[in-house]
Amino acid sequence: MKTAIVFGSTGLIGGHLINQLIQDNYYTKIKIFVRSQTSINNEKVEVIIIDFNNLANHKTEITGDDCFFCIGTTKQNSPDKNDYQKVELDIPKEIAQIAKANSVKSFIFISSIYANPNSSGNYVKFKGLVEEELKRLNFSKLGILRPSFLMGKRKENRVGEKIGIFAFSALSPLLFGPFKKMRPISSENVAKAMIKIANSNLEKTVFESNEIVELTSS
């Protein structure tokens, strides 16, 4: 029986992840870390209010078997460049470092298609830098997922993403080879893949969007 640690439980992927973890018999406890109270109510779930500006104060609480990290933001929600970097780069790195110090076995991270630490674009650059840090920490099990456009019902309206989903959905039948990973993907399937990676002995650590689909269909 295992304890799951979840960051990003109220997001598009995180919502599916929590529902699936609740139904998963491998997990007897689910620790979710949130900024404010949540409506999630289940006997397996422990809600922990966390101050992301003082993560060191929560070191003793970030303990368990598998850490699932799916926090993310947008330039629209975090227009200040320092806040944006904090959410996309600093927070995931610090949480991973604490998890490793606390002997958390697995770290499963939602990255991005085309993540690259040398990119000129901050979003994929920060994701790439987090990936590098996760690899350096050498968890017993590491899963890095790079989904393309996420399909699912969001709380906020992302016009650009909707346009991208529409365009690439229409083009999906034509996307083969290296472009196959650009096909839109179900957020529910991404959550399913996170759990499968944490509970399987897989040789891979980085999963492109099309590989996430293949993983959940096998």
N, C-alpha and C. Protein backbone atom coordinates (compact mmCIF):
# COMPACT_ATOMS: atom_id res chain seq x y z
N MET A 1 0.84 -1.19 0.00
CA MET A 1 0.00 0.00 0.00
C MET A 1 0.88 1.25 0.00
N LYS A 2 0.45 2.27 -0.74
CA LYS A 2 1.32 3.41 -0.96
C LYS A 2 0.65 4.74 -0.59
N THR A 3 1.52 5.75 -0.40
CA THR A 3 1.06 7.12 -0.17
C THR A 3 1.45 7.97 -1.36
N ALA A 4 0.48 8.64 -1.94
CA ALA A 4 0.73 9.54 -3.07
C ALA A 4 0.83 10.97 -2.56
N ILE A 5 1.73 11.73 -3.15
CA ILE A 5 1.90 13.15 -2.86
C ILE A 5 1.53 13.89 -4.14
N VAL A 6 0.59 14.83 -4.06
CA VAL A 6 0.11 15.48 -5.28
C VAL A 6 0.22 17.00 -5.17
N PHE A 7 0.88 17.59 -6.15
CA PHE A 7 0.93 19.04 -6.31
C PHE A 7 0.23 19.39 -7.62
N GLY A 8 -0.78 20.23 -7.54
CA GLY A 8 -1.53 20.60 -8.75
C GLY A 8 -2.83 19.84 -8.86
N SER A 9 -3.44 19.53 -7.73
CA SER A 9 -4.65 18.68 -7.72
C SER A 9 -5.89 19.37 -8.25
N THR A 10 -5.87 20.71 -8.36
CA THR A 10 -7.07 21.42 -8.82
C THR A 10 -7.02 21.77 -10.30
N GLY A 11 -5.95 21.39 -10.98
CA GLY A 11 -5.81 21.70 -12.40
C GLY A 11 -6.49 20.68 -13.29
N LEU A 12 -6.32 20.86 -14.59
CA LEU A 12 -6.98 19.99 -15.58
C LEU A 12 -6.52 18.53 -15.43
N ILE A 13 -5.24 18.30 -15.38
CA ILE A 13 -4.73 16.95 -15.20
C ILE A 13 -4.90 16.51 -13.75
N GLY A 14 -4.62 17.41 -12.82
CA GLY A 14 -4.69 17.07 -11.41
C GLY A 14 -6.04 16.59 -10.95
N GLY A 15 -7.11 17.17 -11.48
CA GLY A 15 -8.45 16.74 -11.12
C GLY A 15 -8.69 15.29 -11.49
N HIS A 16 -8.28 14.91 -12.70
CA HIS A 16 -8.41 13.51 -13.12
C HIS A 16 -7.50 12.62 -12.28
N LEU A 17 -6.31 13.11 -11.99
CA LEU A 17 -5.35 12.33 -11.22
C LEU A 17 -5.90 11.96 -9.85
N ILE A 18 -6.49 12.94 -9.15
CA ILE A 18 -7.05 12.68 -7.83
C ILE A 18 -8.17 11.64 -7.91
N ASN A 19 -9.06 11.80 -8.87
CA ASN A 19 -10.17 10.85 -9.02
C ASN A 19 -9.66 9.43 -9.27
N GLN A 20 -8.62 9.32 -10.07
CA GLN A 20 -8.08 8.00 -10.38
C GLN A 20 -7.31 7.41 -9.20
N LEU A 21 -6.61 8.25 -8.46
CA LEU A 21 -5.88 7.76 -7.29
C LEU A 21 -6.85 7.27 -6.21
N ILE A 22 -7.97 7.95 -6.08
CA ILE A 22 -8.97 7.54 -5.09
C ILE A 22 -9.49 6.14 -5.43
N GLN A 23 -9.63 5.86 -6.72
CA GLN A 23 -10.15 4.56 -7.15
C GLN A 23 -9.07 3.48 -7.19
N ASP A 24 -7.81 3.88 -7.08
CA ASP A 24 -6.69 2.95 -7.22
C ASP A 24 -6.39 2.28 -5.88
N ASN A 25 -6.45 0.96 -5.85
CA ASN A 25 -6.24 0.22 -4.61
C ASN A 25 -4.78 0.20 -4.16
N TYR A 26 -3.85 0.59 -5.04
CA TYR A 26 -2.45 0.67 -4.64
C TYR A 26 -2.24 1.73 -3.57
N TYR A 27 -3.09 2.76 -3.60
CA TYR A 27 -2.90 3.91 -2.73
C TYR A 27 -3.93 3.94 -1.60
N THR A 28 -3.42 3.97 -0.37
CA THR A 28 -4.31 4.05 0.80
C THR A 28 -4.37 5.48 1.33
N LYS A 29 -3.43 6.33 0.90
CA LYS A 29 -3.42 7.71 1.35
C LYS A 29 -2.98 8.62 0.21
N ILE A 30 -3.65 9.76 0.09
CA ILE A 30 -3.33 10.74 -0.94
C ILE A 30 -3.16 12.09 -0.26
N LYS A 31 -1.94 12.62 -0.28
CA LYS A 31 -1.66 13.91 0.35
C LYS A 31 -1.66 14.97 -0.74
N ILE A 32 -2.61 15.90 -0.67
CA ILE A 32 -2.66 16.96 -1.67
C ILE A 32 -2.25 18.28 -1.03
N PHE A 33 -1.36 18.98 -1.71
CA PHE A 33 -0.83 20.25 -1.21
C PHE A 33 -1.45 21.40 -2.01
N VAL A 34 -2.17 22.26 -1.32
CA VAL A 34 -2.91 23.34 -1.98
C VAL A 34 -2.72 24.65 -1.23
N ARG A 35 -2.96 25.76 -1.95
CA ARG A 35 -2.84 27.09 -1.33
C ARG A 35 -4.00 27.41 -0.40
N SER A 36 -5.17 26.88 -0.70
CA SER A 36 -6.37 27.16 0.10
C SER A 36 -7.25 25.92 0.14
N GLN A 37 -8.25 25.94 0.98
CA GLN A 37 -9.12 24.78 1.15
C GLN A 37 -9.75 24.35 -0.17
N THR A 38 -9.98 23.07 -0.30
CA THR A 38 -10.54 22.51 -1.52
C THR A 38 -11.80 21.72 -1.20
N SER A 39 -12.62 21.50 -2.21
CA SER A 39 -13.87 20.77 -2.02
C SER A 39 -13.66 19.26 -2.06
N ILE A 40 -12.45 18.81 -2.33
CA ILE A 40 -12.17 17.38 -2.39
C ILE A 40 -12.40 16.77 -1.00
N ASN A 41 -13.22 15.73 -0.95
CA ASN A 41 -13.58 15.13 0.33
C ASN A 41 -13.65 13.61 0.18
N ASN A 42 -12.64 12.95 0.69
CA ASN A 42 -12.58 11.49 0.63
C ASN A 42 -11.72 11.00 1.78
N GLU A 43 -12.04 9.85 2.32
CA GLU A 43 -11.32 9.35 3.49
C GLU A 43 -9.85 9.06 3.21
N LYS A 44 -9.50 8.84 1.94
CA LYS A 44 -8.11 8.59 1.58
C LYS A 44 -7.30 9.88 1.45
N VAL A 45 -7.98 11.00 1.34
CA VAL A 45 -7.33 12.27 1.02
C VAL A 45 -7.01 13.08 2.27
N GLU A 46 -5.76 13.52 2.37
CA GLU A 46 -5.33 14.47 3.40
C GLU A 46 -4.99 15.78 2.71
N VAL A 47 -5.71 16.84 3.07
CA VAL A 47 -5.48 18.15 2.47
C VAL A 47 -4.48 18.93 3.33
N ILE A 48 -3.41 19.39 2.71
CA ILE A 48 -2.38 20.15 3.42
C ILE A 48 -2.27 21.54 2.79
N ILE A 49 -2.56 22.57 3.57
CA ILE A 49 -2.43 23.95 3.09
C ILE A 49 -0.96 24.32 3.14
N ILE A 50 -0.43 24.76 2.01
CA ILE A 50 1.01 25.00 1.91
C ILE A 50 1.29 26.44 1.48
N ASP A 51 2.36 26.98 2.03
CA ASP A 51 2.85 28.30 1.63
C ASP A 51 4.00 28.06 0.64
N PHE A 52 3.73 28.29 -0.63
CA PHE A 52 4.74 28.00 -1.65
C PHE A 52 5.91 28.97 -1.59
N ASN A 53 5.78 30.04 -0.82
CA ASN A 53 6.90 30.96 -0.63
C ASN A 53 7.83 30.50 0.49
N ASN A 54 7.38 29.52 1.26
CA ASN A 54 8.18 29.00 2.37
C ASN A 54 8.09 27.47 2.40
N LEU A 55 8.54 26.85 1.34
CA LEU A 55 8.43 25.40 1.23
C LEU A 55 9.25 24.67 2.30
N ALA A 56 10.30 25.30 2.76
CA ALA A 56 11.14 24.68 3.78
C ALA A 56 10.35 24.38 5.05
N ASN A 57 9.29 25.16 5.28
CA ASN A 57 8.46 24.95 6.48
C ASN A 57 7.63 23.67 6.39
N HIS A 58 7.56 23.08 5.20
CA HIS A 58 6.71 21.90 4.99
C HIS A 58 7.52 20.64 4.70
N LYS A 59 8.80 20.70 5.01
CA LYS A 59 9.67 19.55 4.70
C LYS A 59 9.18 18.25 5.32
N THR A 60 8.69 18.32 6.55
CA THR A 60 8.28 17.09 7.24
C THR A 60 6.96 16.53 6.69
N GLU A 61 6.26 17.33 5.88
CA GLU A 61 4.97 16.88 5.34
C GLU A 61 5.10 16.28 3.94
N ILE A 62 6.17 16.67 3.23
CA ILE A 62 6.36 16.18 1.86
C ILE A 62 7.03 14.81 1.93
N THR A 63 6.26 13.84 2.39
CA THR A 63 6.75 12.47 2.55
C THR A 63 5.73 11.49 1.97
N GLY A 64 6.22 10.38 1.47
CA GLY A 64 5.35 9.37 0.90
C GLY A 64 6.12 8.52 -0.09
N ASP A 65 5.41 7.86 -0.98
CA ASP A 65 6.04 6.95 -1.94
C ASP A 65 6.23 7.58 -3.32
N ASP A 66 5.15 8.12 -3.87
CA ASP A 66 5.18 8.66 -5.23
C ASP A 66 4.72 10.11 -5.23
N CYS A 67 5.54 11.00 -5.78
CA CYS A 67 5.19 12.42 -5.88
C CYS A 67 4.74 12.72 -7.31
N PHE A 68 3.52 13.22 -7.44
CA PHE A 68 2.97 13.59 -8.74
C PHE A 68 2.91 15.12 -8.82
N PHE A 69 3.59 15.69 -9.80
CA PHE A 69 3.66 17.15 -9.90
C PHE A 69 3.06 17.62 -11.21
N CYS A 70 1.95 18.35 -11.11
CA CYS A 70 1.32 18.88 -12.33
C CYS A 70 0.88 20.33 -12.15
N ILE A 71 1.68 21.10 -11.42
CA ILE A 71 1.43 22.55 -11.29
C ILE A 71 1.96 23.25 -12.53
N GLY A 72 1.20 24.21 -13.01
CA GLY A 72 1.64 25.02 -14.14
C GLY A 72 0.87 26.31 -14.17
N THR A 73 1.35 27.27 -14.93
CA THR A 73 0.65 28.55 -15.05
C THR A 73 0.77 29.05 -16.48
N THR A 74 0.28 30.24 -16.72
CA THR A 74 0.38 30.88 -18.02
C THR A 74 0.86 32.31 -17.82
N LYS A 75 1.33 32.95 -18.88
CA LYS A 75 1.75 34.35 -18.80
C LYS A 75 0.56 35.23 -18.42
N GLN A 76 -0.63 34.81 -18.82
CA GLN A 76 -1.83 35.58 -18.49
C GLN A 76 -2.11 35.54 -16.98
N ASN A 77 -1.95 34.38 -16.38
CA ASN A 77 -2.19 34.23 -14.95
C ASN A 77 -1.02 34.71 -14.10
N SER A 78 0.17 34.70 -14.65
CA SER A 78 1.37 35.15 -13.93
C SER A 78 2.16 36.11 -14.82
N PRO A 79 1.64 37.35 -15.00
CA PRO A 79 2.28 38.29 -15.91
C PRO A 79 3.65 38.78 -15.43
N ASP A 80 3.87 38.76 -14.11
CA ASP A 80 5.17 39.16 -13.58
C ASP A 80 6.18 38.06 -13.88
N LYS A 81 7.30 38.41 -14.51
CA LYS A 81 8.26 37.39 -14.95
C LYS A 81 8.86 36.62 -13.79
N ASN A 82 9.01 37.28 -12.63
CA ASN A 82 9.57 36.60 -11.47
C ASN A 82 8.58 35.59 -10.90
N ASP A 83 7.30 35.96 -10.87
CA ASP A 83 6.27 35.02 -10.42
C ASP A 83 6.16 33.83 -11.36
N TYR A 84 6.25 34.13 -12.66
CA TYR A 84 6.16 33.07 -13.67
C TYR A 84 7.31 32.07 -13.50
N GLN A 85 8.51 32.60 -13.29
CA GLN A 85 9.67 31.72 -13.10
C GLN A 85 9.53 30.91 -11.82
N LYS A 86 8.97 31.52 -10.79
CA LYS A 86 8.82 30.83 -9.52
C LYS A 86 7.93 29.60 -9.67
N VAL A 87 6.80 29.78 -10.38
CA VAL A 87 5.85 28.69 -10.55
C VAL A 87 6.41 27.60 -11.47
N GLU A 88 7.00 28.02 -12.57
CA GLU A 88 7.41 27.05 -13.59
C GLU A 88 8.79 26.43 -13.36
N LEU A 89 9.64 27.10 -12.58
CA LEU A 89 11.00 26.61 -12.41
C LEU A 89 11.39 26.40 -10.94
N ASP A 90 11.26 27.44 -10.14
CA ASP A 90 11.79 27.38 -8.78
C ASP A 90 11.01 26.41 -7.89
N ILE A 91 9.68 26.49 -7.93
CA ILE A 91 8.86 25.63 -7.06
C ILE A 91 9.04 24.14 -7.38
N PRO A 92 8.92 23.73 -8.65
CA PRO A 92 9.10 22.28 -8.91
C PRO A 92 10.49 21.78 -8.54
N LYS A 93 11.52 22.60 -8.75
CA LYS A 93 12.87 22.16 -8.39
C LYS A 93 13.01 21.99 -6.88
N GLU A 94 12.48 22.96 -6.11
CA GLU A 94 12.62 22.88 -4.66
C GLU A 94 11.80 21.72 -4.09
N ILE A 95 10.61 21.51 -4.62
CA ILE A 95 9.80 20.38 -4.14
C ILE A 95 10.49 19.06 -4.45
N ALA A 96 11.06 18.94 -5.63
CA ALA A 96 11.78 17.71 -5.99
C ALA A 96 12.96 17.49 -5.07
N GLN A 97 13.68 18.54 -4.73
CA GLN A 97 14.83 18.43 -3.84
C GLN A 97 14.40 17.97 -2.45
N ILE A 98 13.29 18.52 -1.96
CA ILE A 98 12.77 18.11 -0.64
C ILE A 98 12.32 16.65 -0.69
N ALA A 99 11.62 16.29 -1.76
CA ALA A 99 11.13 14.91 -1.90
C ALA A 99 12.30 13.92 -1.91
N LYS A 100 13.35 14.25 -2.64
CA LYS A 100 14.51 13.38 -2.69
C LYS A 100 15.16 13.25 -1.32
N ALA A 101 15.29 14.38 -0.61
CA ALA A 101 15.89 14.36 0.72
C ALA A 101 15.06 13.52 1.69
N ASN A 102 13.75 13.44 1.44
CA ASN A 102 12.86 12.67 2.30
C ASN A 102 12.65 11.23 1.80
N SER A 103 13.50 10.80 0.86
CA SER A 103 13.50 9.43 0.34
C SER A 103 12.20 9.05 -0.37
N VAL A 104 11.54 10.03 -0.98
CA VAL A 104 10.40 9.72 -1.84
C VAL A 104 10.93 8.92 -3.03
N LYS A 105 10.31 7.82 -3.34
CA LYS A 105 10.87 6.89 -4.34
C LYS A 105 10.68 7.38 -5.79
N SER A 106 9.49 7.90 -6.07
CA SER A 106 9.16 8.24 -7.46
C SER A 106 8.77 9.70 -7.59
N PHE A 107 9.16 10.29 -8.72
CA PHE A 107 8.74 11.66 -9.03
C PHE A 107 8.21 11.66 -10.46
N ILE A 108 6.93 12.02 -10.59
CA ILE A 108 6.27 12.01 -11.91
C ILE A 108 5.90 13.45 -12.24
N PHE A 109 6.46 13.97 -13.31
CA PHE A 109 6.41 15.40 -13.62
C PHE A 109 5.75 15.68 -14.96
N ILE A 110 4.81 16.63 -14.97
CA ILE A 110 4.22 17.08 -16.23
C ILE A 110 5.08 18.19 -16.80
N SER A 111 5.75 17.88 -17.88
CA SER A 111 6.60 18.84 -18.57
C SER A 111 5.83 19.41 -19.77
N SER A 112 6.50 19.57 -20.88
CA SER A 112 5.85 20.14 -22.07
C SER A 112 6.48 19.60 -23.34
N ILE A 113 5.68 19.53 -24.37
CA ILE A 113 6.20 19.20 -25.68
C ILE A 113 7.31 20.21 -26.04
N TYR A 114 8.40 19.70 -26.56
CA TYR A 114 9.56 20.49 -26.96
C TYR A 114 10.29 21.15 -25.80
N ALA A 115 10.16 20.61 -24.59
CA ALA A 115 10.93 21.13 -23.45
C ALA A 115 12.41 21.12 -23.80
N ASN A 116 13.08 22.24 -23.50
CA ASN A 116 14.49 22.38 -23.90
C ASN A 116 15.15 23.44 -23.01
N PRO A 117 16.14 23.06 -22.20
CA PRO A 117 16.77 24.04 -21.31
C PRO A 117 17.50 25.16 -22.04
N ASN A 118 17.76 24.97 -23.32
CA ASN A 118 18.47 25.99 -24.10
C ASN A 118 17.55 26.83 -24.99
N SER A 119 16.24 26.66 -24.81
CA SER A 119 15.29 27.39 -25.65
C SER A 119 15.29 28.88 -25.31
N SER A 120 14.93 29.69 -26.29
CA SER A 120 14.80 31.13 -26.06
C SER A 120 13.44 31.47 -25.44
N GLY A 121 12.48 30.55 -25.51
CA GLY A 121 11.17 30.75 -24.91
C GLY A 121 11.15 30.24 -23.48
N ASN A 122 10.70 31.07 -22.55
CA ASN A 122 10.79 30.72 -21.14
C ASN A 122 10.01 29.46 -20.76
N TYR A 123 8.84 29.26 -21.37
CA TYR A 123 8.01 28.12 -20.97
C TYR A 123 8.73 26.81 -21.18
N VAL A 124 9.17 26.54 -22.40
CA VAL A 124 9.85 25.27 -22.68
C VAL A 124 11.25 25.25 -22.07
N LYS A 125 11.85 26.43 -21.90
CA LYS A 125 13.17 26.50 -21.25
C LYS A 125 13.07 26.07 -19.79
N PHE A 126 12.10 26.62 -19.07
CA PHE A 126 11.95 26.29 -17.66
C PHE A 126 11.60 24.81 -17.48
N LYS A 127 10.73 24.30 -18.34
CA LYS A 127 10.40 22.87 -18.26
C LYS A 127 11.66 22.02 -18.47
N GLY A 128 12.48 22.42 -19.43
CA GLY A 128 13.71 21.69 -19.71
C GLY A 128 14.68 21.74 -18.54
N LEU A 129 14.77 22.89 -17.88
CA LEU A 129 15.66 23.03 -16.74
C LEU A 129 15.19 22.18 -15.56
N VAL A 130 13.87 22.09 -15.37
CA VAL A 130 13.35 21.22 -14.31
C VAL A 130 13.67 19.77 -14.64
N GLU A 131 13.50 19.38 -15.89
CA GLU A 131 13.83 18.01 -16.30
C GLU A 131 15.28 17.68 -15.96
N GLU A 132 16.19 18.60 -16.24
CA GLU A 132 17.60 18.38 -15.96
C GLU A 132 17.83 18.16 -14.47
N GLU A 133 17.16 18.97 -13.63
CA GLU A 133 17.32 18.84 -12.19
C GLU A 133 16.76 17.51 -11.70
N LEU A 134 15.64 17.09 -12.24
CA LEU A 134 15.05 15.81 -11.84
C LEU A 134 15.98 14.65 -12.17
N LYS A 135 16.59 14.70 -13.32
CA LYS A 135 17.53 13.65 -13.71
C LYS A 135 18.76 13.65 -12.80
N ARG A 136 19.20 14.85 -12.42
CA ARG A 136 20.36 14.97 -11.54
C ARG A 136 20.08 14.38 -10.16
N LEU A 137 18.85 14.53 -9.68
CA LEU A 137 18.49 14.06 -8.34
C LEU A 137 18.45 12.54 -8.26
N ASN A 138 18.30 11.88 -9.39
CA ASN A 138 18.41 10.42 -9.46
C ASN A 138 17.40 9.70 -8.55
N PHE A 139 16.13 9.98 -8.77
CA PHE A 139 15.07 9.26 -8.07
C PHE A 139 15.10 7.79 -8.46
N SER A 140 14.61 6.93 -7.59
CA SER A 140 14.53 5.50 -7.92
C SER A 140 13.69 5.29 -9.17
N LYS A 141 12.64 6.12 -9.31
CA LYS A 141 11.81 6.06 -10.51
C LYS A 141 11.45 7.49 -10.91
N LEU A 142 11.67 7.79 -12.17
CA LEU A 142 11.38 9.13 -12.69
C LEU A 142 10.52 9.03 -13.93
N GLY A 143 9.46 9.83 -13.96
CA GLY A 143 8.61 9.90 -15.14
C GLY A 143 8.44 11.34 -15.57
N ILE A 144 8.84 11.65 -16.78
CA ILE A 144 8.68 13.00 -17.34
C ILE A 144 7.74 12.89 -18.53
N LEU A 145 6.59 13.53 -18.42
CA LEU A 145 5.58 13.46 -19.47
C LEU A 145 5.53 14.79 -20.22
N ARG A 146 5.56 14.71 -21.55
CA ARG A 146 5.54 15.91 -22.39
C ARG A 146 4.29 15.94 -23.27
N PRO A 147 3.14 16.23 -22.67
CA PRO A 147 1.90 16.25 -23.46
C PRO A 147 1.85 17.42 -24.44
N SER A 148 1.13 17.20 -25.52
CA SER A 148 0.85 18.27 -26.48
C SER A 148 -0.36 19.06 -25.96
N PHE A 149 -1.17 19.63 -26.85
CA PHE A 149 -2.36 20.37 -26.44
C PHE A 149 -3.29 19.46 -25.64
N LEU A 150 -3.68 19.91 -24.46
CA LEU A 150 -4.51 19.10 -23.57
C LEU A 150 -5.99 19.31 -23.83
N MET A 151 -6.70 18.22 -24.03
CA MET A 151 -8.14 18.28 -24.21
C MET A 151 -8.83 17.99 -22.88
N GLY A 152 -9.81 18.81 -22.56
CA GLY A 152 -10.54 18.67 -21.31
C GLY A 152 -11.17 20.00 -20.94
N LYS A 153 -12.01 19.97 -19.94
CA LYS A 153 -12.75 21.16 -19.53
C LYS A 153 -11.96 21.94 -18.49
N ARG A 154 -11.45 23.10 -18.88
CA ARG A 154 -10.69 23.95 -17.96
C ARG A 154 -11.61 24.93 -17.24
N LYS A 155 -11.13 25.39 -16.08
CA LYS A 155 -11.88 26.42 -15.34
C LYS A 155 -11.72 27.77 -16.01
N GLU A 156 -10.51 28.03 -16.55
CA GLU A 156 -10.28 29.30 -17.21
C GLU A 156 -10.34 29.13 -18.71
N ASN A 157 -10.56 30.25 -19.39
CA ASN A 157 -10.69 30.23 -20.84
C ASN A 157 -9.35 30.54 -21.49
N ARG A 158 -8.78 29.60 -22.22
CA ARG A 158 -7.52 29.80 -22.91
C ARG A 158 -7.78 29.79 -24.41
N VAL A 159 -7.97 30.97 -24.97
CA VAL A 159 -8.36 31.09 -26.38
C VAL A 159 -7.29 30.50 -27.30
N GLY A 160 -6.03 30.86 -27.06
CA GLY A 160 -4.95 30.38 -27.91
C GLY A 160 -4.86 28.87 -27.93
N GLU A 161 -5.03 28.28 -26.75
CA GLU A 161 -4.96 26.82 -26.66
C GLU A 161 -6.12 26.17 -27.39
N LYS A 162 -7.31 26.77 -27.30
CA LYS A 162 -8.48 26.23 -28.00
C LYS A 162 -8.26 26.25 -29.51
N ILE A 163 -7.67 27.32 -29.99
CA ILE A 163 -7.39 27.43 -31.43
C ILE A 163 -6.38 26.34 -31.83
N GLY A 164 -5.35 26.16 -30.99
CA GLY A 164 -4.35 25.14 -31.27
C GLY A 164 -4.95 23.74 -31.29
N ILE A 165 -5.82 23.46 -30.33
CA ILE A 165 -6.46 22.14 -30.27
C ILE A 165 -7.30 21.91 -31.52
N PHE A 166 -8.07 22.92 -31.90
CA PHE A 166 -8.92 22.79 -33.09
C PHE A 166 -8.07 22.54 -34.33
N ALA A 167 -7.01 23.33 -34.49
CA ALA A 167 -6.17 23.22 -35.68
C ALA A 167 -5.47 21.86 -35.75
N PHE A 168 -4.87 21.45 -34.63
CA PHE A 168 -4.11 20.21 -34.65
C PHE A 168 -5.01 18.98 -34.62
N SER A 169 -6.23 19.12 -34.09
CA SER A 169 -7.18 18.01 -34.18
C SER A 169 -7.54 17.75 -35.63
N ALA A 170 -7.75 18.85 -36.37
CA ALA A 170 -8.07 18.72 -37.78
C ALA A 170 -6.91 18.13 -38.58
N LEU A 171 -5.70 18.46 -38.15
CA LEU A 171 -4.51 17.99 -38.87
C LEU A 171 -4.01 16.63 -38.39
N SER A 172 -4.56 16.12 -37.29
CA SER A 172 -4.06 14.89 -36.67
C SER A 172 -3.85 13.74 -37.64
N PRO A 173 -4.80 13.49 -38.56
CA PRO A 173 -4.60 12.36 -39.50
C PRO A 173 -3.36 12.52 -40.37
N LEU A 174 -2.86 13.76 -40.48
CA LEU A 174 -1.70 14.02 -41.33
C LEU A 174 -0.40 14.07 -40.54
N LEU A 175 -0.48 13.98 -39.21
CA LEU A 175 0.71 14.09 -38.38
C LEU A 175 1.31 12.72 -38.12
N PHE A 176 2.41 12.44 -38.80
CA PHE A 176 3.09 11.16 -38.67
C PHE A 176 4.55 11.40 -38.28
N GLY A 177 5.25 10.31 -37.96
CA GLY A 177 6.67 10.40 -37.65
C GLY A 177 6.93 11.36 -36.50
N PRO A 178 7.90 12.26 -36.66
CA PRO A 178 8.25 13.18 -35.57
C PRO A 178 7.14 14.17 -35.22
N PHE A 179 6.16 14.30 -36.10
CA PHE A 179 5.06 15.24 -35.86
C PHE A 179 3.88 14.58 -35.12
N LYS A 180 3.96 13.28 -34.94
CA LYS A 180 2.87 12.55 -34.29
C LYS A 180 2.65 13.05 -32.86
N LYS A 181 3.73 13.49 -32.21
CA LYS A 181 3.63 13.95 -30.83
C LYS A 181 2.89 15.27 -30.69
N MET A 182 2.55 15.91 -31.81
CA MET A 182 1.83 17.18 -31.76
C MET A 182 0.32 17.01 -31.72
N ARG A 183 -0.14 15.77 -31.84
CA ARG A 183 -1.58 15.53 -31.79
C ARG A 183 -2.13 15.88 -30.41
N PRO A 184 -3.28 16.54 -30.31
CA PRO A 184 -3.90 16.83 -29.00
C PRO A 184 -4.12 15.55 -28.21
N ILE A 185 -4.08 15.67 -26.89
CA ILE A 185 -4.17 14.49 -26.02
C ILE A 185 -5.17 14.74 -24.89
N SER A 186 -5.87 13.71 -24.50
CA SER A 186 -6.83 13.79 -23.40
C SER A 186 -6.11 13.96 -22.07
N SER A 187 -6.54 14.95 -21.29
CA SER A 187 -5.94 15.17 -19.97
C SER A 187 -6.18 13.97 -19.06
N GLU A 188 -7.28 13.29 -19.25
CA GLU A 188 -7.57 12.09 -18.45
C GLU A 188 -6.55 11.00 -18.72
N ASN A 189 -6.15 10.85 -19.99
CA ASN A 189 -5.14 9.85 -20.33
C ASN A 189 -3.77 10.20 -19.75
N VAL A 190 -3.46 11.51 -19.69
CA VAL A 190 -2.18 11.92 -19.10
C VAL A 190 -2.14 11.52 -17.63
N ALA A 191 -3.24 11.77 -16.91
CA ALA A 191 -3.32 11.38 -15.50
C ALA A 191 -3.16 9.87 -15.34
N LYS A 192 -3.81 9.13 -16.21
CA LYS A 192 -3.73 7.67 -16.18
C LYS A 192 -2.29 7.20 -16.39
N ALA A 193 -1.60 7.86 -17.30
CA ALA A 193 -0.21 7.50 -17.59
C ALA A 193 0.70 7.79 -16.40
N MET A 194 0.44 8.88 -15.69
CA MET A 194 1.25 9.22 -14.52
C MET A 194 1.22 8.08 -13.50
N ILE A 195 0.03 7.57 -13.24
CA ILE A 195 -0.11 6.49 -12.26
C ILE A 195 0.53 5.21 -12.77
N LYS A 196 0.37 4.94 -14.05
CA LYS A 196 0.94 3.71 -14.62
C LYS A 196 2.46 3.74 -14.55
N ILE A 197 3.06 4.89 -14.83
CA ILE A 197 4.52 5.00 -14.76
C ILE A 197 5.01 4.77 -13.34
N ALA A 198 4.28 5.31 -12.37
CA ALA A 198 4.68 5.17 -10.96
C ALA A 198 4.62 3.73 -10.49
N ASN A 199 3.80 2.91 -11.14
CA ASN A 199 3.58 1.54 -10.68
C ASN A 199 4.05 0.49 -11.66
N SER A 200 4.90 0.88 -12.61
CA SER A 200 5.43 -0.07 -13.59
C SER A 200 6.94 0.04 -13.63
N ASN A 201 7.58 -1.02 -14.08
CA ASN A 201 9.02 -1.01 -14.28
C ASN A 201 9.30 -0.76 -15.75
N LEU A 202 9.47 0.51 -16.08
CA LEU A 202 9.67 0.90 -17.47
C LEU A 202 11.10 1.39 -17.66
N GLU A 203 11.66 1.10 -18.82
CA GLU A 203 13.02 1.53 -19.10
C GLU A 203 13.09 3.02 -19.41
N LYS A 204 12.03 3.57 -19.97
CA LYS A 204 12.01 4.98 -20.35
C LYS A 204 11.75 5.88 -19.15
N THR A 205 12.20 7.11 -19.26
CA THR A 205 11.86 8.13 -18.25
C THR A 205 11.14 9.32 -18.87
N VAL A 206 11.36 9.56 -20.15
CA VAL A 206 10.74 10.69 -20.85
C VAL A 206 9.73 10.16 -21.86
N PHE A 207 8.50 10.67 -21.78
CA PHE A 207 7.42 10.19 -22.63
C PHE A 207 6.83 11.34 -23.43
N GLU A 208 7.03 11.29 -24.76
CA GLU A 208 6.42 12.29 -25.63
C GLU A 208 4.91 12.04 -25.68
N SER A 209 4.18 12.99 -26.22
CA SER A 209 2.72 12.94 -26.17
C SER A 209 2.16 11.67 -26.80
N ASN A 210 2.65 11.28 -27.96
CA ASN A 210 2.15 10.07 -28.61
C ASN A 210 2.52 8.82 -27.82
N GLU A 211 3.65 8.86 -27.10
CA GLU A 211 4.05 7.73 -26.28
C GLU A 211 3.17 7.61 -25.03
N ILE A 212 2.65 8.73 -24.56
CA ILE A 212 1.71 8.71 -23.44
C ILE A 212 0.43 7.99 -23.87
N VAL A 213 -0.03 8.29 -25.08
CA VAL A 213 -1.22 7.63 -25.62
C VAL A 213 -0.98 6.13 -25.74
N GLU A 214 0.17 5.75 -26.27
CA GLU A 214 0.49 4.33 -26.43
C GLU A 214 0.56 3.63 -25.07
N LEU A 215 1.09 4.33 -24.07
CA LEU A 215 1.22 3.76 -22.74
C LEU A 215 -0.14 3.45 -22.13
N THR A 216 -1.09 4.34 -22.32
CA THR A 216 -2.42 4.15 -21.70
C THR A 216 -3.29 3.20 -22.51
N SER A 217 -2.92 2.91 -23.73
CA SER A 217 -3.73 2.00 -24.54
C SER A 217 -3.23 0.57 -24.50
N SER A 218 -2.07 0.38 -23.86
CA SER A 218 -1.48 -0.98 -23.81
C SER A 218 -1.93 -1.72 -22.57
